């Protein structure tokens, strides 16, 4: 088949690779000048099965209320006159129920384990280099309440197959000596030895290059502005897409279409009457050049109290975190960057160059449950691979492999709940 993919982030590009490997002709449509220039540009860098706890959990409602008016809080809702935002929030609170939380953790762990294995196979097959480290992910805690709550989550993850083990402070420092600087403040830790880290943008760029060598066509500076759809006896079918390149508008046609436009997937789907439960969660990152290698972590770290992650990417330290629900607003707010700087200073001191830091913000496509949309839609010819929130890099390979199996109507490697509309 000829398949058009909308979006050349880590999800769209990985989907293009897997579909091409299965023998399909693939065209990728991307409005930017190159792959991975939006949500995938500067994320936290973690392949983190151990980060499978949804934002929507039994503890979230109280935390959200406590954080509501704190500008530097890890999770910040900025109420707007926006029906979609309030609808999403209502659905978010519904997902906080214990039964839903446990089910969502199981699904996220299952997808994460599968995806991590798929990434390893892809890396072995292609030899792709993206500043990857297979040294695990270590969660550390400076709040006893947060640690105790997280211990329950870790137990659920272990039951689902994730090897996230509770460890002592001494064990944590033995695994990552850079934690010695804050050892007196750490009250507990957990470690997932098989989790990884790496540069998602570099991976996406290099996988796009490999896919291009295999025959995938990437059309950059090209924006989808509408659908060509027909309706027969109440069933819609996609016949093509209308795109704009510069001043030119033209139509493209294929046998099937995959929507992987991150937060903007919701807007494109709405043109067809599909109501995706996706809302943009604005995240921030800071990337610091490393000055003193020995003082900077080489094991990827997660600071669960502040919801900040630290990943070493070659000679750089990537620090990322926070989520702000404020529509499609993308300006860089220095107040939201400040916690990233402060926590980095506490951890590594003068071991990185703060003057040369690169700050970034991007919109992560969040669903209330944190589960992505992977699969067919009620509209013939249209498939989804979107809504991965903070776990797009973690779930990219597994999601692409699953969707390829669905398109080919092959048995799935793991059970997956199809999107509900």
Protein backbone atom coordinates (compact mmCIF):
# COMPACT_ATOMS: atom_id res chain seq x y z
CA UNK A 1 0.00 0.00 0.00
CA UNK A 2 0.90 3.66 -0.28
CA UNK A 3 0.56 5.24 3.18
CA UNK A 4 0.80 8.93 4.02
CA UNK A 5 1.94 9.85 7.53
CA UNK A 6 1.16 13.28 8.89
CA UNK A 7 4.00 14.41 11.18
CA UNK A 8 7.77 13.77 11.25
CA UNK A 9 8.37 13.78 14.98
CA UNK A 10 9.72 10.70 16.72
CA UNK A 11 6.31 8.97 16.44
CA UNK A 12 5.67 9.73 12.75
CA UNK A 13 9.24 8.98 11.68
CA UNK A 14 9.39 5.69 13.58
CA UNK A 15 6.02 4.71 12.09
CA UNK A 16 7.39 5.47 8.62
CA UNK A 17 10.38 3.22 9.29
CA UNK A 18 8.32 0.24 10.47
CA UNK A 19 5.80 0.53 7.63
CA UNK A 20 8.59 0.72 5.06
CA UNK A 21 10.28 -2.31 6.60
CA UNK A 22 6.98 -4.13 6.13
CA UNK A 23 7.09 -3.33 2.42
CA UNK A 24 4.75 -0.36 2.14
CA UNK A 25 5.37 2.81 0.14
CA UNK A 26 5.45 5.69 2.62
CA UNK A 27 5.25 9.46 2.30
CA UNK A 28 5.71 11.68 5.38
CA UNK A 29 4.19 15.16 5.46
CA UNK A 30 5.87 17.68 7.79
CA UNK A 31 5.25 21.41 8.09
CA UNK A 32 8.73 22.11 9.47
CA UNK A 33 12.00 22.14 7.52
CA UNK A 34 13.28 18.88 9.06
CA UNK A 35 12.17 16.08 11.38
CA UNK A 36 11.87 16.44 15.17
CA UNK A 37 11.68 20.25 15.33
CA UNK A 38 8.65 20.45 17.65
CA UNK A 39 7.71 18.09 20.51
CA UNK A 40 10.65 15.74 19.84
CA UNK A 41 13.25 18.51 19.72
CA UNK A 42 14.55 18.61 23.31
CA UNK A 43 12.63 16.25 25.57
CA UNK A 44 13.94 14.58 28.73
CA UNK A 45 15.84 11.91 26.81
CA UNK A 46 14.57 8.93 28.81
CA UNK A 47 13.40 5.53 27.56
CA UNK A 48 11.54 5.10 30.81
CA UNK A 49 9.30 2.11 31.37
CA UNK A 50 9.67 3.10 35.03
CA UNK A 51 7.92 6.42 34.38
CA UNK A 52 4.62 4.65 33.72
CA UNK A 53 2.60 6.25 36.50
CA UNK A 54 -0.10 8.37 34.86
CA UNK A 55 -0.50 11.97 35.92
CA UNK A 56 -4.07 10.98 36.76
CA UNK A 57 -3.71 9.04 40.00
CA UNK A 58 -5.50 8.96 43.37
CA UNK A 59 -3.11 11.60 44.78
CA UNK A 60 -3.43 14.02 41.87
CA UNK A 61 -6.63 15.97 42.77
CA UNK A 62 -5.19 17.27 46.05
CA UNK A 63 -1.83 18.02 44.45
CA UNK A 64 -3.43 19.93 41.60
CA UNK A 65 -5.36 22.09 44.07
CA UNK A 66 -2.17 22.75 46.04
CA UNK A 67 -0.23 23.65 42.89
CA UNK A 68 -2.98 25.66 41.19
CA UNK A 69 -1.63 29.11 42.06
CA UNK A 70 2.05 28.26 42.31
CA UNK A 71 3.78 29.52 39.13
CA UNK A 72 6.70 27.10 39.50
CA UNK A 73 4.67 23.99 40.36
CA UNK A 74 5.46 20.73 38.49
CA UNK A 75 1.91 20.44 37.13
CA UNK A 76 0.15 23.73 36.41
CA UNK A 77 -3.37 24.24 35.13
CA UNK A 78 -4.01 27.73 33.82
CA UNK A 79 -7.82 27.92 33.60
CA UNK A 80 -9.04 29.42 30.32
CA UNK A 81 -12.37 30.07 28.66
CA UNK A 82 -11.79 26.91 26.69
CA UNK A 83 -14.40 24.15 26.67
CA UNK A 84 -11.85 21.59 25.46
CA UNK A 85 -9.63 22.33 28.45
CA UNK A 86 -12.42 21.94 31.00
CA UNK A 87 -13.68 18.79 29.31
CA UNK A 88 -10.16 17.34 29.41
CA UNK A 89 -9.79 18.25 33.11
CA UNK A 90 -13.08 16.53 33.94
CA UNK A 91 -11.92 13.39 32.15
CA UNK A 92 -8.56 13.64 33.89
CA UNK A 93 -10.20 13.57 37.32
CA UNK A 94 -12.31 10.58 36.26
CA UNK A 95 -9.07 8.72 35.44
CA UNK A 96 -7.80 9.39 38.98
CA UNK A 97 -9.98 6.59 40.35
CA UNK A 98 -7.91 3.76 41.78
CA UNK A 99 -9.25 1.12 39.39
CA UNK A 100 -8.55 3.24 36.31
CA UNK A 101 -5.12 4.22 37.62
CA UNK A 102 -4.10 0.59 38.10
CA UNK A 103 -5.36 -0.42 34.65
CA UNK A 104 -3.56 2.48 33.01
CA UNK A 105 -0.29 1.59 34.74
CA UNK A 106 -0.56 -1.97 33.45
CA UNK A 107 -1.13 -0.78 29.88
CA UNK A 108 1.70 1.76 30.01
CA UNK A 109 4.18 -0.74 31.46
CA UNK A 110 3.23 -3.35 28.86
CA UNK A 111 3.68 -0.88 25.99
CA UNK A 112 6.90 0.47 27.50
CA UNK A 113 8.50 -2.96 27.86
CA UNK A 114 7.55 -3.90 24.32
CA UNK A 115 8.75 -0.61 22.91
CA UNK A 116 12.08 -0.76 24.74
CA UNK A 117 12.67 -4.22 23.28
CA UNK A 118 11.72 -2.97 19.78
CA UNK A 119 14.19 -0.09 20.12
CA UNK A 120 16.95 -2.50 21.08
CA UNK A 121 16.21 -4.62 18.00
CA UNK A 122 16.17 -1.55 15.74
CA UNK A 123 19.48 -0.35 17.20
CA UNK A 124 21.09 -3.77 16.67
CA UNK A 125 19.72 -3.99 13.12
CA UNK A 126 20.73 -0.52 11.95
CA UNK A 127 23.64 0.46 14.20
CA UNK A 128 21.95 3.85 14.67
CA UNK A 129 23.83 6.21 17.04
CA UNK A 130 21.97 8.79 19.15
CA UNK A 131 24.09 9.28 22.30
CA UNK A 132 22.36 6.30 23.87
CA UNK A 133 23.23 5.00 27.34
CA UNK A 134 21.93 1.69 28.69
CA UNK A 135 22.66 2.41 32.35
CA UNK A 136 19.15 2.38 33.76
CA UNK A 137 17.01 5.09 35.33
CA UNK A 138 17.26 5.97 39.00
CA UNK A 139 14.36 7.71 40.78
CA UNK A 140 15.40 9.61 43.90
CA UNK A 141 13.21 11.21 46.57
CA UNK A 142 13.78 14.12 48.93
CA UNK A 143 10.22 13.98 50.33
CA UNK A 144 9.24 11.03 52.50
CA UNK A 145 5.55 11.37 51.60
CA UNK A 146 6.35 11.29 47.88
CA UNK A 147 8.64 8.31 48.42
CA UNK A 148 6.03 6.33 50.33
CA UNK A 149 3.39 7.00 47.67
CA UNK A 150 5.85 6.07 44.93
CA UNK A 151 6.70 2.79 46.64
CA UNK A 152 3.10 1.68 46.08
CA UNK A 153 3.34 2.62 42.42
CA UNK A 154 6.63 0.77 42.04
CA UNK A 155 4.98 -2.37 43.44
CA UNK A 156 2.23 -2.13 40.81
CA UNK A 157 4.83 -1.70 38.09
CA UNK A 158 6.76 -4.76 39.27
CA UNK A 159 3.55 -6.76 39.22
CA UNK A 160 3.08 -5.64 35.61
CA UNK A 161 6.59 -6.71 34.65
CA UNK A 162 8.71 -3.57 35.11
CA UNK A 163 11.89 -4.28 37.10
CA UNK A 164 11.68 -1.09 39.19
CA UNK A 165 13.31 -2.03 42.49
CA UNK A 166 13.42 -0.02 45.72
CA UNK A 167 17.00 0.61 46.85
CA UNK A 168 18.71 2.30 49.79
CA UNK A 169 20.34 5.73 49.66
CA UNK A 170 23.75 4.06 49.85
CA UNK A 171 22.88 1.81 46.90
CA UNK A 172 21.64 4.82 44.93
CA UNK A 173 24.92 6.67 45.45
CA UNK A 174 26.89 3.57 44.51
CA UNK A 175 24.96 3.41 41.23
CA UNK A 176 25.30 7.15 40.58
CA UNK A 177 28.05 8.85 42.63
CA UNK A 178 26.94 12.32 41.47
CA UNK A 179 24.07 12.01 43.98
CA UNK A 180 26.60 12.36 46.81
CA UNK A 181 26.13 16.15 46.68
CA UNK A 182 22.53 15.82 47.96
CA UNK A 183 22.91 12.55 49.87
CA UNK A 184 21.77 14.07 53.17
CA UNK A 185 18.45 15.08 51.63
CA UNK A 186 17.61 11.80 49.87
CA UNK A 187 15.14 9.62 51.79
CA UNK A 188 14.82 6.79 49.30
CA UNK A 189 15.28 5.66 45.72
CA UNK A 190 14.27 3.14 43.10
CA UNK A 191 16.21 1.79 40.14
CA UNK A 192 15.19 0.26 36.82
CA UNK A 193 18.37 -1.26 35.43
CA UNK A 194 17.18 -1.88 31.87
CA UNK A 195 15.77 1.58 31.19
CA UNK A 196 17.81 3.80 28.87
CA UNK A 197 18.45 7.34 27.74
CA UNK A 198 19.34 9.04 24.48
CA UNK A 199 18.74 12.04 22.27
CA UNK A 200 15.28 11.71 20.71
CA UNK A 201 15.92 14.43 18.14
CA UNK A 202 19.19 12.85 17.00
CA UNK A 203 17.49 9.45 16.81
CA UNK A 204 14.64 10.88 14.73
CA UNK A 205 16.94 12.76 12.37
CA UNK A 206 19.12 9.71 11.75
CA UNK A 207 16.20 7.30 11.45
CA UNK A 208 14.60 9.67 8.91
CA UNK A 209 17.85 9.58 6.93
CA UNK A 210 17.89 5.77 7.04
CA UNK A 211 14.22 5.64 6.06
CA UNK A 212 14.92 7.97 3.14
CA UNK A 213 17.64 5.59 1.95
CA UNK A 214 15.04 2.82 2.07
CA UNK A 215 12.63 4.80 -0.12
CA UNK A 216 10.48 6.76 2.33
CA UNK A 217 9.63 10.19 0.88
CA UNK A 218 9.71 13.14 3.30
CA UNK A 219 7.93 16.29 2.14
CA UNK A 220 9.00 19.17 4.39
CA UNK A 221 7.56 22.68 4.53
CA UNK A 222 4.23 20.99 3.75
CA UNK A 223 1.14 21.47 5.93
CA UNK A 224 -2.06 19.45 5.87
CA UNK A 225 -4.93 21.95 5.71
CA UNK A 226 -7.84 19.57 5.15
CA UNK A 227 -9.18 16.19 4.21
CA UNK A 228 -10.75 14.85 1.05
CA UNK A 229 -13.45 12.58 2.39
CA UNK A 230 -16.56 10.90 1.06
CA UNK A 231 -19.54 9.47 2.89
CA UNK A 232 -21.50 6.39 1.88
CA UNK A 233 -24.38 5.09 3.99
CA UNK A 234 -23.12 6.91 7.04
CA UNK A 235 -19.50 5.73 6.71
CA UNK A 236 -16.74 8.21 5.95
CA UNK A 237 -13.72 7.32 3.86
CA UNK A 238 -10.55 9.34 3.35
CA UNK A 239 -9.74 9.83 -0.32
CA UNK A 240 -6.87 12.25 0.12
CA UNK A 241 -5.47 15.25 1.94
CA UNK A 242 -5.14 18.88 0.92
CA UNK A 243 -1.75 20.34 1.66
CA UNK A 244 -0.02 23.67 1.35
CA UNK A 245 3.62 24.12 0.38
CA UNK A 246 4.57 27.77 0.34
CA UNK A 247 1.85 29.49 -1.66
CA UNK A 248 0.83 26.34 -3.51
CA UNK A 249 -2.16 24.21 -2.49
CA UNK A 250 -2.54 20.73 -3.91
CA UNK A 251 -3.99 17.31 -3.11
CA UNK A 252 -2.20 14.09 -2.20
CA UNK A 253 -3.76 10.65 -2.35
CA UNK A 254 -2.84 7.29 -0.86
CA UNK A 255 -4.39 4.02 0.29
CA UNK A 256 -4.20 4.86 4.01
CA UNK A 257 -3.31 7.78 6.27
CA UNK A 258 -1.70 7.93 9.73
CA UNK A 259 -2.26 10.98 11.94
CA UNK A 260 0.83 11.64 14.10
CA UNK A 261 0.77 15.40 14.58
CA UNK A 262 1.17 15.52 18.34
CA UNK A 263 -1.08 18.04 20.08
CA UNK A 264 -2.34 19.27 16.72
CA UNK A 265 -3.81 15.86 15.93
CA UNK A 266 -6.90 16.86 17.87
CA UNK A 267 -7.57 19.81 15.57
CA UNK A 268 -7.13 17.81 12.37
CA UNK A 269 -9.28 14.96 13.66
CA UNK A 270 -12.02 17.41 14.64
CA UNK A 271 -12.40 18.38 10.97
CA UNK A 272 -13.68 14.84 10.42
CA UNK A 273 -15.92 14.83 13.49
CA UNK A 274 -13.50 12.77 15.62
CA UNK A 275 -13.20 14.06 19.18
CA UNK A 276 -9.76 13.01 20.40
CA UNK A 277 -9.13 13.46 24.11
CA UNK A 278 -5.83 15.26 23.55
CA UNK A 279 -4.79 18.54 25.13
CA UNK A 280 -1.36 20.20 24.88
CA UNK A 281 0.82 19.94 27.98
CA UNK A 282 3.57 22.51 27.70
CA UNK A 283 6.89 21.15 28.90
CA UNK A 284 10.28 22.77 29.41
CA UNK A 285 13.88 21.65 29.16
CA UNK A 286 17.34 23.11 29.64
CA UNK A 287 20.44 21.69 27.98
CA UNK A 288 23.77 22.52 29.63
CA UNK A 289 27.27 21.98 28.21
CA UNK A 290 29.27 19.83 30.64
CA UNK A 291 32.39 21.37 32.19
CA UNK A 292 33.36 18.66 34.71
CA UNK A 293 32.46 15.23 33.41
CA UNK A 294 33.04 13.32 36.67
CA UNK A 295 30.56 15.48 38.60
CA UNK A 296 27.68 15.03 36.15
CA UNK A 297 25.38 11.96 36.29
CA UNK A 298 25.83 9.28 33.66
CA UNK A 299 22.83 7.32 34.94
CA UNK A 300 19.59 9.03 33.94
CA UNK A 301 17.84 10.43 37.02
CA UNK A 302 14.24 11.25 37.89
CA UNK A 303 13.52 13.69 40.72
CA UNK A 304 10.00 12.57 41.58
CA UNK A 305 9.23 15.37 44.01
CA UNK A 306 9.82 18.09 41.43
CA UNK A 307 8.96 15.93 38.38
CA UNK A 308 12.32 16.74 36.77
CA UNK A 309 14.56 14.36 34.82
CA UNK A 310 18.30 14.51 34.16
CA UNK A 311 19.85 12.74 31.17
CA UNK A 312 23.42 12.85 29.93
CA UNK A 313 23.60 13.26 26.17
CA UNK A 314 27.25 13.05 25.19
CA UNK A 315 28.90 16.22 26.49
CA UNK A 316 25.59 17.82 27.44
CA UNK A 317 23.21 17.47 30.38
CA UNK A 318 19.52 17.59 29.50
CA UNK A 319 17.21 18.65 32.36
CA UNK A 320 13.48 18.57 31.66
CA UNK A 321 10.20 18.74 33.47
CA UNK A 322 7.02 20.57 34.42
CA UNK A 323 3.70 20.48 32.61
CA UNK A 324 1.59 23.55 31.96
CA UNK A 325 -1.97 23.29 30.62
CA UNK A 326 -2.41 26.61 28.90
CA UNK A 327 -3.77 25.88 25.44
CA UNK A 328 -1.45 26.12 22.44
CA UNK A 329 0.61 28.96 23.91
CA UNK A 330 4.31 28.27 23.21
CA UNK A 331 6.27 31.24 24.59
CA UNK A 332 9.23 30.50 26.86
CA UNK A 333 8.40 31.56 30.43
CA UNK A 334 11.59 32.20 32.49
CA UNK A 335 9.68 31.50 35.69
CA UNK A 336 9.03 27.94 34.53
CA UNK A 337 12.71 27.51 33.61
CA UNK A 338 13.90 28.60 37.06
CA UNK A 339 13.16 25.27 38.85
CA UNK A 340 15.23 23.41 36.25
CA UNK A 341 18.20 25.69 36.89
CA UNK A 342 17.83 25.59 40.67
CA UNK A 343 17.62 21.80 40.89
CA UNK A 344 20.58 21.42 38.53
CA UNK A 345 22.67 23.73 40.71
CA UNK A 346 21.79 21.67 43.77
CA UNK A 347 22.81 18.45 42.05
CA UNK A 348 25.93 19.32 40.01
CA UNK A 349 26.94 22.81 41.16
CA UNK A 350 29.42 24.41 38.77
CA UNK A 351 29.97 21.24 36.70
CA UNK A 352 27.87 22.60 33.81
CA UNK A 353 27.91 25.89 31.91
CA UNK A 354 24.81 27.87 32.89
CA UNK A 355 25.74 30.78 30.62
CA UNK A 356 25.53 28.59 27.51
CA UNK A 357 22.32 26.80 28.45
CA UNK A 358 19.76 26.17 25.72
CA UNK A 359 16.17 26.50 26.95
CA UNK A 360 13.26 24.97 25.09
CA UNK A 361 9.53 24.56 25.46
CA UNK A 362 7.18 22.32 23.51
CA UNK A 363 3.64 20.97 23.53
CA UNK A 364 3.25 17.34 24.53
CA UNK A 365 0.02 15.66 23.36
CA UNK A 366 -1.55 14.53 26.63
CA UNK A 367 -4.56 12.29 27.07
CA UNK A 368 -6.40 12.16 30.45
CA UNK A 369 -5.27 8.57 31.02
CA UNK A 370 -1.76 9.00 29.54
CA UNK A 371 -2.62 6.16 27.13
CA UNK A 372 -1.93 7.03 23.49
CA UNK A 373 -4.22 6.53 20.53
CA UNK A 374 -2.84 3.67 18.46
CA UNK A 375 -5.04 2.07 15.83
CA UNK A 376 -7.81 2.47 13.28
CA UNK A 377 -10.65 4.97 13.46
CA UNK A 378 -14.30 4.73 12.37
CA UNK A 379 -13.22 6.56 9.20
CA UNK A 380 -12.05 4.15 6.52
CA UNK A 381 -8.40 4.60 5.68
CA UNK A 382 -7.51 6.75 8.72
CA UNK A 383 -5.28 5.49 11.53
CA UNK A 384 -3.94 7.16 14.66
CA UNK A 385 -0.56 7.08 16.34
CA UNK A 386 -0.67 10.07 18.64
CA UNK A 387 -1.38 11.29 22.18
CA UNK A 388 1.75 9.89 23.85
CA UNK A 389 2.19 12.79 26.28
CA UNK A 390 5.59 12.67 27.98
CA UNK A 391 6.28 9.11 26.80
CA UNK A 392 6.54 9.55 23.04
CA UNK A 393 10.25 8.71 22.98
CA UNK A 394 9.69 5.75 25.30
CA UNK A 395 6.78 4.34 23.31
CA UNK A 396 7.76 5.30 19.75
CA UNK A 397 9.09 1.98 18.47
CA UNK A 398 6.45 -0.17 20.14
CA UNK A 399 3.63 2.07 18.94
CA UNK A 400 4.94 1.98 15.37
CA UNK A 401 5.30 -1.80 15.45
CA UNK A 402 1.78 -2.23 16.84
CA UNK A 403 0.23 0.09 14.27
CA UNK A 404 2.04 -1.69 11.44
CA UNK A 405 0.55 -4.98 12.62
CA UNK A 406 -2.91 -3.40 12.81
CA UNK A 407 -2.68 -1.99 9.29
CA UNK A 408 -1.56 -5.36 8.00
CA UNK A 409 -4.22 -7.12 10.10
CA UNK A 410 -1.60 -9.30 11.73
CA UNK A 411 -1.67 -10.63 15.32
CA UNK A 412 -0.43 -8.06 17.85
CA UNK A 413 2.71 -8.72 19.88
CA UNK A 414 0.92 -7.38 22.97
CA UNK A 415 -2.80 -6.89 23.70
CA UNK A 416 -3.82 -3.30 23.11
CA UNK A 417 -7.11 -1.51 23.67
CA UNK A 418 -8.22 0.16 20.44
CA UNK A 419 -9.05 3.90 20.63
CA UNK A 420 -12.56 4.67 21.81
CA UNK A 421 -14.66 7.32 20.04
